[in-house]
Amino acid sequence: MMSSQRPSNNPEVTYLNERVKMLEDENAYVNHLNDDLVDENNRLFEEKQQLKEQLDEANRAREKAEETLARATEFWRAAEDELAEKIDQIESLTRQLEGKATGTDPKKDISS
């Protein structure tokens, strides 16, 4: 620091001393801003890590939900196919019973 030096009567030296003081003040200000930016950068890095973990967790939950949906869809499609087959069997048996009750041959029934 220049504060321990005696004031000079030389205008050029006085100007340079003032300029050095001004640059020291600007440097201190810039260092303070830099420290703030480093702190903010660290905070943002931590926030990014937390968000990344949340995103990974959400993706795992979505994948699990998609797998569950696929299994449920497969189950219900199989149940639907089985039910459609049973309905066809019941309709066929119903036609056969109606045919026996009326004495007609359901195999000759054109509507089936």
PDB file of N, CA and C in Angstrom:
ATOM      1  N   MET A   1       0.838  -1.183   0.000  1.00  0.00           N
ATOM      2  CA  MET A   1       0.000   0.000   0.000  1.00  0.00           C
ATOM      3  C   MET A   1       0.883   1.247   0.000  1.00  0.00           C
ATOM      4  N   MET A   2       0.337   2.269  -0.527  1.00  0.00           N
ATOM      5  CA  MET A   2       1.084   3.512  -0.646  1.00  0.00           C
ATOM      6  C   MET A   2       0.837   4.439   0.538  1.00  0.00           C
ATOM      7  N   SER A   3      -0.022   4.063   1.449  1.00  0.00           N
ATOM      8  CA  SER A   3      -0.401   4.948   2.538  1.00  0.00           C
ATOM      9  C   SER A   3       0.750   5.246   3.490  1.00  0.00           C
ATOM     10  N   SER A   4       1.756   4.396   3.536  1.00  0.00           N
ATOM     11  CA  SER A   4       2.890   4.624   4.436  1.00  0.00           C
ATOM     12  C   SER A   4       3.902   5.604   3.842  1.00  0.00           C
ATOM     13  N   GLN A   5       3.711   5.930   2.581  1.00  0.00           N
ATOM     14  CA  GLN A   5       4.645   6.857   1.945  1.00  0.00           C
ATOM     15  C   GLN A   5       4.224   8.299   2.218  1.00  0.00           C
ATOM     16  N   ARG A   6       5.218   9.144   2.164  1.00  0.00           N
ATOM     17  CA  ARG A   6       4.937  10.568   2.363  1.00  0.00           C
ATOM     18  C   ARG A   6       4.322  11.148   1.103  1.00  0.00           C
ATOM     19  N   PRO A   7       3.433  12.118   1.271  1.00  0.00           N
ATOM     20  CA  PRO A   7       2.872  12.780   0.096  1.00  0.00           C
ATOM     21  C   PRO A   7       3.985  13.470  -0.692  1.00  0.00           C
ATOM     22  N   SER A   8       3.811  13.439  -1.987  1.00  0.00           N
ATOM     23  CA  SER A   8       4.819  14.029  -2.861  1.00  0.00           C
ATOM     24  C   SER A   8       4.306  15.346  -3.397  1.00  0.00           C
ATOM     25  N   ASN A   9       5.233  16.240  -3.665  1.00  0.00           N
ATOM     26  CA  ASN A   9       4.876  17.514  -4.289  1.00  0.00           C
ATOM     27  C   ASN A   9       4.881  17.398  -5.801  1.00  0.00           C
ATOM     28  N   ASN A  10       5.372  16.275  -6.303  1.00  0.00           N
ATOM     29  CA  ASN A  10       5.441  16.062  -7.743  1.00  0.00           C
ATOM     30  C   ASN A  10       4.048  15.653  -8.230  1.00  0.00           C
ATOM     31  N   PRO A  11       3.448  16.436  -9.130  1.00  0.00           N
ATOM     32  CA  PRO A  11       2.099  16.127  -9.606  1.00  0.00           C
ATOM     33  C   PRO A  11       2.004  14.764 -10.292  1.00  0.00           C
ATOM     34  N   GLU A  12       3.035  14.375 -10.990  1.00  0.00           N
ATOM     35  CA  GLU A  12       3.000  13.076 -11.671  1.00  0.00           C
ATOM     36  C   GLU A  12       2.985  11.943 -10.652  1.00  0.00           C
ATOM     37  N   VAL A  13       3.762  12.040  -9.614  1.00  0.00           N
ATOM     38  CA  VAL A  13       3.795  11.026  -8.562  1.00  0.00           C
ATOM     39  C   VAL A  13       2.460  11.009  -7.830  1.00  0.00           C
ATOM     40  N   THR A  14       1.906  12.167  -7.560  1.00  0.00           N
ATOM     41  CA  THR A  14       0.601  12.250  -6.900  1.00  0.00           C
ATOM     42  C   THR A  14      -0.465  11.579  -7.766  1.00  0.00           C
ATOM     43  N   TYR A  15      -0.434  11.885  -9.058  1.00  0.00           N
ATOM     44  CA  TYR A  15      -1.394  11.263  -9.983  1.00  0.00           C
ATOM     45  C   TYR A  15      -1.247   9.743  -9.972  1.00  0.00           C
ATOM     46  N   LEU A  16      -0.014   9.268 -10.052  1.00  0.00           N
ATOM     47  CA  LEU A  16       0.219   7.825 -10.077  1.00  0.00           C
ATOM     48  C   LEU A  16      -0.205   7.172  -8.768  1.00  0.00           C
ATOM     49  N   ASN A  17       0.046   7.830  -7.649  1.00  0.00           N
ATOM     50  CA  ASN A  17      -0.402   7.295  -6.357  1.00  0.00           C
ATOM     51  C   ASN A  17      -1.928   7.194  -6.300  1.00  0.00           C
ATOM     52  N   GLU A  18      -2.604   8.223  -6.800  1.00  0.00           N
ATOM     53  CA  GLU A  18      -4.073   8.196  -6.837  1.00  0.00           C
ATOM     54  C   GLU A  18      -4.569   7.102  -7.781  1.00  0.00           C
ATOM     55  N   ARG A  19      -3.864   6.975  -8.884  1.00  0.00           N
ATOM     56  CA  ARG A  19      -4.248   5.930  -9.863  1.00  0.00           C
ATOM     57  C   ARG A  19      -4.067   4.536  -9.248  1.00  0.00           C
ATOM     58  N   VAL A  20      -2.967   4.315  -8.537  1.00  0.00           N
ATOM     59  CA  VAL A  20      -2.733   3.035  -7.867  1.00  0.00           C
ATOM     60  C   VAL A  20      -3.835   2.777  -6.849  1.00  0.00           C
ATOM     61  N   LYS A  21      -4.199   3.782  -6.073  1.00  0.00           N
ATOM     62  CA  LYS A  21      -5.266   3.634  -5.072  1.00  0.00           C
ATOM     63  C   LYS A  21      -6.594   3.273  -5.753  1.00  0.00           C
ATOM     64  N   MET A  22      -6.884   3.964  -6.858  1.00  0.00           N
ATOM     65  CA  MET A  22      -8.115   3.683  -7.592  1.00  0.00           C
ATOM     66  C   MET A  22      -8.107   2.242  -8.120  1.00  0.00           C
ATOM     67  N   LEU A  23      -6.993   1.798  -8.663  1.00  0.00           N
ATOM     68  CA  LEU A  23      -6.894   0.431  -9.182  1.00  0.00           C
ATOM     69  C   LEU A  23      -7.002  -0.596  -8.060  1.00  0.00           C
ATOM     70  N   GLU A  24      -6.430  -0.280  -6.897  1.00  0.00           N
ATOM     71  CA  GLU A  24      -6.561  -1.182  -5.747  1.00  0.00           C
ATOM     72  C   GLU A  24      -8.022  -1.308  -5.322  1.00  0.00           C
ATOM     73  N   ASP A  25      -8.729  -0.168  -5.300  1.00  0.00           N
ATOM     74  CA  ASP A  25     -10.157  -0.192  -4.944  1.00  0.00           C
ATOM     75  C   ASP A  25     -10.965  -0.984  -5.975  1.00  0.00           C
ATOM     76  N   GLU A  26     -10.683  -0.757  -7.262  1.00  0.00           N
ATOM     77  CA  GLU A  26     -11.377  -1.501  -8.314  1.00  0.00           C
ATOM     78  C   GLU A  26     -11.073  -2.992  -8.211  1.00  0.00           C
ATOM     79  N   ASN A  27      -9.829  -3.321  -7.924  1.00  0.00           N
ATOM     80  CA  ASN A  27      -9.436  -4.717  -7.781  1.00  0.00           C
ATOM     81  C   ASN A  27     -10.177  -5.366  -6.611  1.00  0.00           C
ATOM     82  N   ALA A  28     -10.282  -4.653  -5.494  1.00  0.00           N
ATOM     83  CA  ALA A  28     -11.008  -5.186  -4.335  1.00  0.00           C
ATOM     84  C   ALA A  28     -12.479  -5.416  -4.695  1.00  0.00           C
ATOM     85  N   TYR A  29     -13.061  -4.466  -5.430  1.00  0.00           N
ATOM     86  CA  TYR A  29     -14.459  -4.597  -5.848  1.00  0.00           C
ATOM     87  C   TYR A  29     -14.637  -5.803  -6.781  1.00  0.00           C
ATOM     88  N   VAL A  30     -13.745  -5.937  -7.751  1.00  0.00           N
ATOM     89  CA  VAL A  30     -13.819  -7.058  -8.693  1.00  0.00           C
ATOM     90  C   VAL A  30     -13.608  -8.380  -7.964  1.00  0.00           C
ATOM     91  N   ASN A  31     -12.689  -8.410  -7.006  1.00  0.00           N
ATOM     92  CA  ASN A  31     -12.491  -9.629  -6.214  1.00  0.00           C
ATOM     93  C   ASN A  31     -13.754  -9.991  -5.435  1.00  0.00           C
ATOM     94  N   HIS A  32     -14.408  -8.971  -4.888  1.00  0.00           N
ATOM     95  CA  HIS A  32     -15.666  -9.208  -4.166  1.00  0.00           C
ATOM     96  C   HIS A  32     -16.729  -9.774  -5.120  1.00  0.00           C
ATOM     97  N   LEU A  33     -16.844  -9.168  -6.298  1.00  0.00           N
ATOM     98  CA  LEU A  33     -17.798  -9.680  -7.292  1.00  0.00           C
ATOM     99  C   LEU A  33     -17.454 -11.109  -7.686  1.00  0.00           C
ATOM    100  N   ASN A  34     -16.180 -11.385  -7.864  1.00  0.00           N
ATOM    101  CA  ASN A  34     -15.745 -12.728  -8.223  1.00  0.00           C
ATOM    102  C   ASN A  34     -16.113 -13.724  -7.124  1.00  0.00           C
ATOM    103  N   ASP A  35     -15.891 -13.341  -5.870  1.00  0.00           N
ATOM    104  CA  ASP A  35     -16.269 -14.219  -4.755  1.00  0.00           C
ATOM    105  C   ASP A  35     -17.768 -14.509  -4.771  1.00  0.00           C
ATOM    106  N   ASP A  36     -18.560 -13.453  -5.038  1.00  0.00           N
ATOM    107  CA  ASP A  36     -20.014 -13.648  -5.123  1.00  0.00           C
ATOM    108  C   ASP A  36     -20.370 -14.603  -6.259  1.00  0.00           C
ATOM    109  N   LEU A  37     -19.692 -14.452  -7.397  1.00  0.00           N
ATOM    110  CA  LEU A  37     -19.960 -15.330  -8.537  1.00  0.00           C
ATOM    111  C   LEU A  37     -19.555 -16.768  -8.242  1.00  0.00           C
ATOM    112  N   VAL A  38     -18.448 -16.952  -7.547  1.00  0.00           N
ATOM    113  CA  VAL A  38     -18.021 -18.305  -7.169  1.00  0.00           C
ATOM    114  C   VAL A  38     -19.063 -18.931  -6.247  1.00  0.00           C
ATOM    115  N   ASP A  39     -19.542 -18.151  -5.270  1.00  0.00           N
ATOM    116  CA  ASP A  39     -20.580 -18.657  -4.359  1.00  0.00           C
ATOM    117  C   ASP A  39     -21.853 -19.018  -5.127  1.00  0.00           C
ATOM    118  N   GLU A  40     -22.256 -18.140  -6.031  1.00  0.00           N
ATOM    119  CA  GLU A  40     -23.463 -18.397  -6.825  1.00  0.00           C
ATOM    120  C   GLU A  40     -23.266 -19.623  -7.715  1.00  0.00           C
ATOM    121  N   ASN A  41     -22.094 -19.754  -8.297  1.00  0.00           N
ATOM    122  CA  ASN A  41     -21.791 -20.913  -9.132  1.00  0.00           C
ATOM    123  C   ASN A  41     -21.885 -22.201  -8.320  1.00  0.00           C
ATOM    124  N   ASN A  42     -21.336 -22.192  -7.110  1.00  0.00           N
ATOM    125  CA  ASN A  42     -21.419 -23.373  -6.244  1.00  0.00           C
ATOM    126  C   ASN A  42     -22.866 -23.702  -5.892  1.00  0.00           C
ATOM    127  N   ARG A  43     -23.647 -22.652  -5.595  1.00  0.00           N
ATOM    128  CA  ARG A  43     -25.063 -22.864  -5.276  1.00  0.00           C
ATOM    129  C   ARG A  43     -25.802 -23.452  -6.479  1.00  0.00           C
ATOM    130  N   LEU A  44     -25.540 -22.906  -7.653  1.00  0.00           N
ATOM    131  CA  LEU A  44     -26.196 -23.409  -8.863  1.00  0.00           C
ATOM    132  C   LEU A  44     -25.762 -24.834  -9.181  1.00  0.00           C
ATOM    133  N   PHE A  45     -24.502 -25.163  -8.930  1.00  0.00           N
ATOM    134  CA  PHE A  45     -24.024 -26.523  -9.157  1.00  0.00           C
ATOM    135  C   PHE A  45     -24.769 -27.496  -8.242  1.00  0.00           C
ATOM    136  N   GLU A  46     -24.909 -27.132  -6.968  1.00  0.00           N
ATOM    137  CA  GLU A  46     -25.637 -27.992  -6.031  1.00  0.00           C
ATOM    138  C   GLU A  46     -27.100 -28.135  -6.445  1.00  0.00           C
ATOM    139  N   GLU A  47     -27.710 -27.024  -6.865  1.00  0.00           N
ATOM    140  CA  GLU A  47     -29.106 -27.070  -7.318  1.00  0.00           C
ATOM    141  C   GLU A  47     -29.237 -27.957  -8.551  1.00  0.00           C
ATOM    142  N   LYS A  48     -28.271 -27.845  -9.470  1.00  0.00           N
ATOM    143  CA  LYS A  48     -28.286 -28.686 -10.675  1.00  0.00           C
ATOM    144  C   LYS A  48     -28.196 -30.159 -10.298  1.00  0.00           C
ATOM    145  N   GLN A  49     -27.330 -30.487  -9.346  1.00  0.00           N
ATOM    146  CA  GLN A  49     -27.191 -31.875  -8.902  1.00  0.00           C
ATOM    147  C   GLN A  49     -28.502 -32.382  -8.301  1.00  0.00           C
ATOM    148  N   GLN A  50     -29.148 -31.552  -7.481  1.00  0.00           N
ATOM    149  CA  GLN A  50     -30.423 -31.948  -6.884  1.00  0.00           C
ATOM    150  C   GLN A  50     -31.480 -32.159  -7.962  1.00  0.00           C
ATOM    151  N   LEU A  51     -31.535 -31.254  -8.923  1.00  0.00           N
ATOM    152  CA  LEU A  51     -32.511 -31.385 -10.008  1.00  0.00           C
ATOM    153  C   LEU A  51     -32.228 -32.620 -10.856  1.00  0.00           C
ATOM    154  N   LYS A  52     -30.946 -32.901 -11.078  1.00  0.00           N
ATOM    155  CA  LYS A  52     -30.586 -34.096 -11.842  1.00  0.00           C
ATOM    156  C   LYS A  52     -31.043 -35.349 -11.105  1.00  0.00           C
ATOM    157  N   GLU A  53     -30.837 -35.380  -9.785  1.00  0.00           N
ATOM    158  CA  GLU A  53     -31.286 -36.527  -8.991  1.00  0.00           C
ATOM    159  C   GLU A  53     -32.808 -36.660  -9.041  1.00  0.00           C
ATOM    160  N   GLN A  54     -33.517 -35.524  -8.947  1.00  0.00           N
ATOM    161  CA  GLN A  54     -34.977 -35.558  -9.025  1.00  0.00           C
ATOM    162  C   GLN A  54     -35.435 -36.048 -10.394  1.00  0.00           C
ATOM    163  N   LEU A  55     -34.759 -35.598 -11.446  1.00  0.00           N
ATOM    164  CA  LEU A  55     -35.106 -36.034 -12.798  1.00  0.00           C
ATOM    165  C   LEU A  55     -34.863 -37.528 -12.965  1.00  0.00           C
ATOM    166  N   ASP A  56     -33.719 -38.004 -12.459  1.00  0.00           N
ATOM    167  CA  ASP A  56     -33.429 -39.438 -12.531  1.00  0.00           C
ATOM    168  C   ASP A  56     -34.497 -40.243 -11.791  1.00  0.00           C
ATOM    169  N   GLU A  57     -34.892 -39.757 -10.621  1.00  0.00           N
ATOM    170  CA  GLU A  57     -35.927 -40.445  -9.841  1.00  0.00           C
ATOM    171  C   GLU A  57     -37.261 -40.436 -10.584  1.00  0.00           C
ATOM    172  N   ALA A  58     -37.600 -39.295 -11.181  1.00  0.00           N
ATOM    173  CA  ALA A  58     -38.847 -39.199 -11.945  1.00  0.00           C
ATOM    174  C   ALA A  58     -38.811 -40.130 -13.154  1.00  0.00           C
ATOM    175  N   ASN A  59     -37.660 -40.227 -13.817  1.00  0.00           N
ATOM    176  CA  ASN A  59     -37.538 -41.130 -14.968  1.00  0.00           C
ATOM    177  C   ASN A  59     -37.683 -42.589 -14.546  1.00  0.00           C
ATOM    178  N   ARG A  60     -37.091 -42.940 -13.390  1.00  0.00           N
ATOM    179  CA  ARG A  60     -37.243 -44.313 -12.897  1.00  0.00           C
ATOM    180  C   ARG A  60     -38.712 -44.599 -12.575  1.00  0.00           C
ATOM    181  N   ALA A  61     -39.397 -43.644 -11.958  1.00  0.00           N
ATOM    182  CA  ALA A  61     -40.816 -43.824 -11.632  1.00  0.00           C
ATOM    183  C   ALA A  61     -41.647 -43.952 -12.908  1.00  0.00           C
ATOM    184  N   ARG A  62     -41.323 -43.136 -13.931  1.00  0.00           N
ATOM    185  CA  ARG A  62     -42.047 -43.210 -15.204  1.00  0.00           C
ATOM    186  C   ARG A  62     -41.834 -44.570 -15.860  1.00  0.00           C
ATOM    187  N   GLU A  63     -40.585 -45.043 -15.867  1.00  0.00           N
ATOM    188  CA  GLU A  63     -40.294 -46.353 -16.465  1.00  0.00           C
ATOM    189  C   GLU A  63     -41.048 -47.462 -15.733  1.00  0.00           C
ATOM    190  N   LYS A  64     -41.091 -47.377 -14.410  1.00  0.00           N
ATOM    191  CA  LYS A  64     -41.813 -48.384 -13.634  1.00  0.00           C
ATOM    192  C   LYS A  64     -43.307 -48.322 -13.955  1.00  0.00           C
ATOM    193  N   ALA A  65     -43.849 -47.109 -14.066  1.00  0.00           N
ATOM    194  CA  ALA A  65     -45.266 -46.951 -14.403  1.00  0.00           C
ATOM    195  C   ALA A  65     -45.552 -47.500 -15.801  1.00  0.00           C
ATOM    196  N   GLU A  66     -44.640 -47.260 -16.751  1.00  0.00           N
ATOM    197  CA  GLU A  66     -44.830 -47.785 -18.105  1.00  0.00           C
ATOM    198  C   GLU A  66     -44.796 -49.313 -18.107  1.00  0.00           C
ATOM    199  N   GLU A  67     -43.895 -49.897 -17.309  1.00  0.00           N
ATOM    200  CA  GLU A  67     -43.835 -51.359 -17.214  1.00  0.00           C
ATOM    201  C   GLU A  67     -45.119 -51.912 -16.595  1.00  0.00           C
ATOM    202  N   THR A  68     -45.602 -51.250 -15.548  1.00  0.00           N
ATOM    203  CA  THR A  68     -46.851 -51.679 -14.907  1.00  0.00           C
ATOM    204  C   THR A  68     -48.011 -51.560 -15.886  1.00  0.00           C
ATOM    205  N   LEU A  69     -48.056 -50.465 -16.623  1.00  0.00           N
ATOM    206  CA  LEU A  69     -49.110 -50.266 -17.621  1.00  0.00           C
ATOM    207  C   LEU A  69     -49.046 -51.347 -18.693  1.00  0.00           C
ATOM    208  N   ALA A  70     -47.852 -51.681 -19.147  1.00  0.00           N
ATOM    209  CA  ALA A  70     -47.704 -52.715 -20.177  1.00  0.00           C
ATOM    210  C   ALA A  70     -48.202 -54.064 -19.660  1.00  0.00           C
ATOM    211  N   ARG A  71     -47.844 -54.387 -18.404  1.00  0.00           N
ATOM    212  CA  ARG A  71     -48.316 -55.665 -17.836  1.00  0.00           C
ATOM    213  C   ARG A  71     -49.834 -55.662 -17.689  1.00  0.00           C
ATOM    214  N   ALA A  72     -50.392 -54.557 -17.204  1.00  0.00           N
ATOM    215  CA  ALA A  72     -51.844 -54.474 -17.029  1.00  0.00           C
ATOM    216  C   ALA A  72     -52.551 -54.546 -18.378  1.00  0.00           C
ATOM    217  N   THR A  73     -52.003 -53.858 -19.374  1.00  0.00           N
ATOM    218  CA  THR A  73     -52.602 -53.885 -20.711  1.00  0.00           C
ATOM    219  C   THR A  73     -52.572 -55.297 -21.277  1.00  0.00           C
ATOM    220  N   GLU A  74     -51.445 -55.968 -21.117  1.00  0.00           N
ATOM    221  CA  GLU A  74     -51.325 -57.349 -21.591  1.00  0.00           C
ATOM    222  C   GLU A  74     -52.347 -58.248 -20.891  1.00  0.00           C
ATOM    223  N   PHE A  75     -52.490 -58.077 -19.578  1.00  0.00           N
ATOM    224  CA  PHE A  75     -53.458 -58.875 -18.823  1.00  0.00           C
ATOM    225  C   PHE A  75     -54.874 -58.624 -19.321  1.00  0.00           C
ATOM    226  N   TRP A  76     -55.253 -57.348 -19.457  1.00  0.00           N
ATOM    227  CA  TRP A  76     -56.622 -57.037 -19.858  1.00  0.00           C
ATOM    228  C   TRP A  76     -56.896 -57.429 -21.306  1.00  0.00           C
ATOM    229  N   ARG A  77     -55.905 -57.348 -22.172  1.00  0.00           N
ATOM    230  CA  ARG A  77     -56.113 -57.807 -23.555  1.00  0.00           C
ATOM    231  C   ARG A  77     -56.344 -59.316 -23.586  1.00  0.00           C
ATOM    232  N   ALA A  78     -55.569 -60.050 -22.794  1.00  0.00           N
ATOM    233  CA  ALA A  78     -55.767 -61.504 -22.725  1.00  0.00           C
ATOM    234  C   ALA A  78     -57.142 -61.813 -22.149  1.00  0.00           C
ATOM    235  N   ALA A  79     -57.545 -61.064 -21.121  1.00  0.00           N
ATOM    236  CA  ALA A  79     -58.869 -61.274 -20.522  1.00  0.00           C
ATOM    237  C   ALA A  79     -59.963 -60.936 -21.523  1.00  0.00           C
ATOM    238  N   GLU A  80     -59.764 -59.876 -22.298  1.00  0.00           N
ATOM    239  CA  GLU A  80     -60.742 -59.488 -23.314  1.00  0.00           C
ATOM    240  C   GLU A  80     -60.866 -60.579 -24.380  1.00  0.00           C
ATOM    241  N   ASP A  81     -59.730 -61.116 -24.830  1.00  0.00           N
ATOM    242  CA  ASP A  81     -59.759 -62.191 -25.823  1.00  0.00           C
ATOM    243  C   ASP A  81     -60.482 -63.419 -25.277  1.00  0.00           C
ATOM    244  N   GLU A  82     -60.169 -63.766 -24.035  1.00  0.00           N
ATOM    245  CA  GLU A  82     -60.817 -64.926 -23.412  1.00  0.00           C
ATOM    246  C   GLU A  82     -62.315 -64.688 -23.264  1.00  0.00           C
ATOM    247  N   LEU A  83     -62.684 -63.475 -22.864  1.00  0.00           N
ATOM    248  CA  LEU A  83     -64.105 -63.153 -22.713  1.00  0.00           C
ATOM    249  C   LEU A  83     -64.822 -63.204 -24.061  1.00  0.00           C
ATOM    250  N   ALA A  84     -64.191 -62.679 -25.112  1.00  0.00           N
ATOM    251  CA  ALA A  84     -64.805 -62.716 -26.441  1.00  0.00           C
ATOM    252  C   ALA A  84     -65.002 -64.158 -26.888  1.00  0.00           C
ATOM    253  N   GLU A  85     -64.006 -65.003 -26.603  1.00  0.00           N
ATOM    254  CA  GLU A  85     -64.123 -66.425 -26.945  1.00  0.00           C
ATOM    255  C   GLU A  85     -65.278 -67.069 -26.175  1.00  0.00           C
ATOM    256  N   LYS A  86     -65.386 -66.759 -24.898  1.00  0.00           N
ATOM    257  CA  LYS A  86     -66.480 -67.319 -24.076  1.00  0.00           C
ATOM    258  C   LYS A  86     -67.833 -66.840 -24.576  1.00  0.00           C
ATOM    259  N   ILE A  87     -67.918 -65.572 -24.966  1.00  0.00           N
ATOM    260  CA  ILE A  87     -69.180 -65.039 -25.494  1.00  0.00           C
ATOM    261  C   ILE A  87     -69.558 -65.783 -26.766  1.00  0.00           C
ATOM    262  N   ASP A  88     -68.577 -66.008 -27.652  1.00  0.00           N
ATOM    263  CA  ASP A  88     -68.846 -66.768 -28.880  1.00  0.00           C
ATOM    264  C   ASP A  88     -69.342 -68.177 -28.551  1.00  0.00           C
ATOM    265  N   GLN A  89     -68.704 -68.814 -27.566  1.00  0.00           N
ATOM    266  CA  GLN A  89     -69.128 -70.161 -27.165  1.00  0.00           C
ATOM    267  C   GLN A  89     -70.552 -70.144 -26.615  1.00  0.00           C
ATOM    268  N   ILE A  90     -70.857 -69.154 -25.793  1.00  0.00           N
ATOM    269  CA  ILE A  90     -72.206 -69.056 -25.213  1.00  0.00           C
ATOM    270  C   ILE A  90     -73.234 -68.808 -26.307  1.00  0.00           C
ATOM    271  N   GLU A  91     -72.915 -67.929 -27.255  1.00  0.00           N
ATOM    272  CA  GLU A  91     -73.842 -67.667 -28.358  1.00  0.00           C
ATOM    273  C   GLU A  91     -74.066 -68.931 -29.184  1.00  0.00           C
ATOM    274  N   SER A  92     -72.990 -69.671 -29.422  1.00  0.00           N
ATOM    275  CA  SER A  92     -73.108 -70.920 -30.175  1.00  0.00           C
ATOM    276  C   SER A  92     -73.977 -71.923 -29.421  1.00  0.00           C
ATOM    277  N   LEU A  93     -73.717 -72.066 -28.123  1.00  0.00           N
ATOM    278  CA  LEU A  93     -74.532 -72.985 -27.308  1.00  0.00           C
ATOM    279  C   LEU A  93     -75.980 -72.534 -27.258  1.00  0.00           C
ATOM    280  N   THR A  94     -76.194 -71.236 -27.174  1.00  0.00           N
ATOM    281  CA  THR A  94     -77.567 -70.706 -27.150  1.00  0.00           C
ATOM    282  C   THR A  94     -78.280 -71.033 -28.450  1.00  0.00           C
ATOM    283  N   ARG A  95     -77.611 -70.871 -29.582  1.00  0.00           N
ATOM    284  CA  ARG A  95     -78.229 -71.206 -30.872  1.00  0.00           C
ATOM    285  C   ARG A  95     -78.540 -72.699 -30.946  1.00  0.00           C
ATOM    286  N   GLN A  96     -77.593 -73.514 -30.424  1.00  0.00           N
ATOM    287  CA  GLN A  96     -77.831 -74.964 -30.433  1.00  0.00           C
ATOM    288  C   GLN A  96     -79.045 -75.321 -29.579  1.00  0.00           C
ATOM    289  N   LEU A  97     -79.131 -74.718 -28.401  1.00  0.00           N
ATOM    290  CA  LEU A  97     -80.274 -74.999 -27.521  1.00  0.00           C
ATOM    291  C   LEU A  97     -81.577 -74.512 -28.140  1.00  0.00           C
ATOM    292  N   GLU A  98     -81.540 -73.349 -28.754  1.00  0.00           N
ATOM    293  CA  GLU A  98     -82.749 -72.834 -29.399  1.00  0.00           C
ATOM    294  C   GLU A  98     -83.153 -73.731 -30.563  1.00  0.00           C
ATOM    295  N   GLY A  99     -82.139 -74.240 -31.267  1.00  0.00           N
ATOM    296  CA  GLY A  99     -82.413 -75.140 -32.389  1.00  0.00           C
ATOM    297  C   GLY A  99     -83.026 -76.439 -31.909  1.00  0.00           C
ATOM    298  N   LYS A 100     -82.539 -76.983 -30.823  1.00  0.00           N
ATOM    299  CA  LYS A 100     -83.103 -78.217 -30.274  1.00  0.00           C
ATOM    300  C   LYS A 100     -84.515 -77.976 -29.778  1.00  0.00           C
ATOM    301  N   ALA A 101     -84.738 -76.799 -29.204  1.00  0.00           N
ATOM    302  CA  ALA A 101     -86.065 -76.502 -28.668  1.00  0.00           C
ATOM    303  C   ALA A 101     -87.079 -76.337 -29.793  1.00  0.00           C
ATOM    304  N   THR A 102     -86.672 -75.823 -30.937  1.00  0.00           N
ATOM    305  CA  THR A 102     -87.603 -75.622 -32.049  1.00  0.00           C
ATOM    306  C   THR A 102     -87.539 -76.753 -33.053  1.00  0.00           C
ATOM    307  N   GLY A 103     -86.565 -77.632 -32.896  1.00  0.00           N
ATOM    308  CA  GLY A 103     -86.440 -78.768 -33.786  1.00  0.00           C
ATOM    309  C   GLY A 103     -85.727 -78.442 -35.076  1.00  0.00           C
ATOM    310  N   THR A 104     -85.059 -77.308 -35.181  1.00  0.00           N
ATOM    311  CA  THR A 104     -84.305 -76.960 -36.392  1.00  0.00           C
ATOM    312  C   THR A 104     -82.832 -77.219 -36.161  1.00  0.00           C
ATOM    313  N   ASP A 105     -82.116 -77.403 -37.254  1.00  0.00           N
ATOM    314  CA  ASP A 105     -80.677 -77.660 -37.167  1.00  0.00           C
ATOM    315  C   ASP A 105     -79.954 -76.312 -37.188  1.00  0.00           C
ATOM    316  N   PRO A 106     -79.282 -75.925 -36.098  1.00  0.00           N
ATOM    317  CA  PRO A 106     -78.621 -74.619 -36.062  1.00  0.00           C
ATOM    318  C   PRO A 106     -77.488 -74.518 -37.059  1.00  0.00           C
ATOM    319  N   LYS A 107     -76.947 -75.644 -37.533  1.00  0.00           N
ATOM    320  CA  LYS A 107     -75.852 -75.594 -38.497  1.00  0.00           C
ATOM    321  C   LYS A 107     -76.358 -75.147 -39.860  1.00  0.00           C
ATOM    322  N   LYS A 108     -77.663 -75.302 -40.098  1.00  0.00           N
ATOM    323  CA  LYS A 108     -78.241 -74.887 -41.371  1.00  0.00           C
ATOM    324  C   LYS A 108     -78.747 -73.452 -41.297  1.00  0.00           C
ATOM    325  N   ASP A 109     -78.653 -72.862 -40.102  1.00  0.00           N
ATOM    326  CA  ASP A 109     -79.125 -71.489 -39.904  1.00  0.00           C
ATOM    327  C   ASP A 109     -78.210 -70.540 -40.674  1.00  0.00           C
ATOM    328  N   ILE A 110     -78.767 -69.802 -41.615  1.00  0.00           N
ATOM    329  CA  ILE A 110     -77.991 -68.924 -42.487  1.00  0.00           C
ATOM    330  C   ILE A 110     -77.473 -67.703 -41.726  1.00  0.00           C
ATOM    331  N   SER A 111     -78.161 -67.299 -40.676  1.00  0.00           N
ATOM    332  CA  SER A 111     -77.780 -66.077 -39.965  1.00  0.00           C
ATOM    333  C   SER A 111     -76.492 -66.233 -39.178  1.00  0.00           C
ATOM    334  N   SER A 112     -76.016 -67.455 -38.927  1.00  0.00           N
ATOM    335  CA  SER A 112     -74.819 -67.622 -38.108  1.00  0.00           C
ATOM    336  C   SER A 112     -73.580 -67.576 -38.883  1.00  0.00           C
TER     337      SER A 112
END
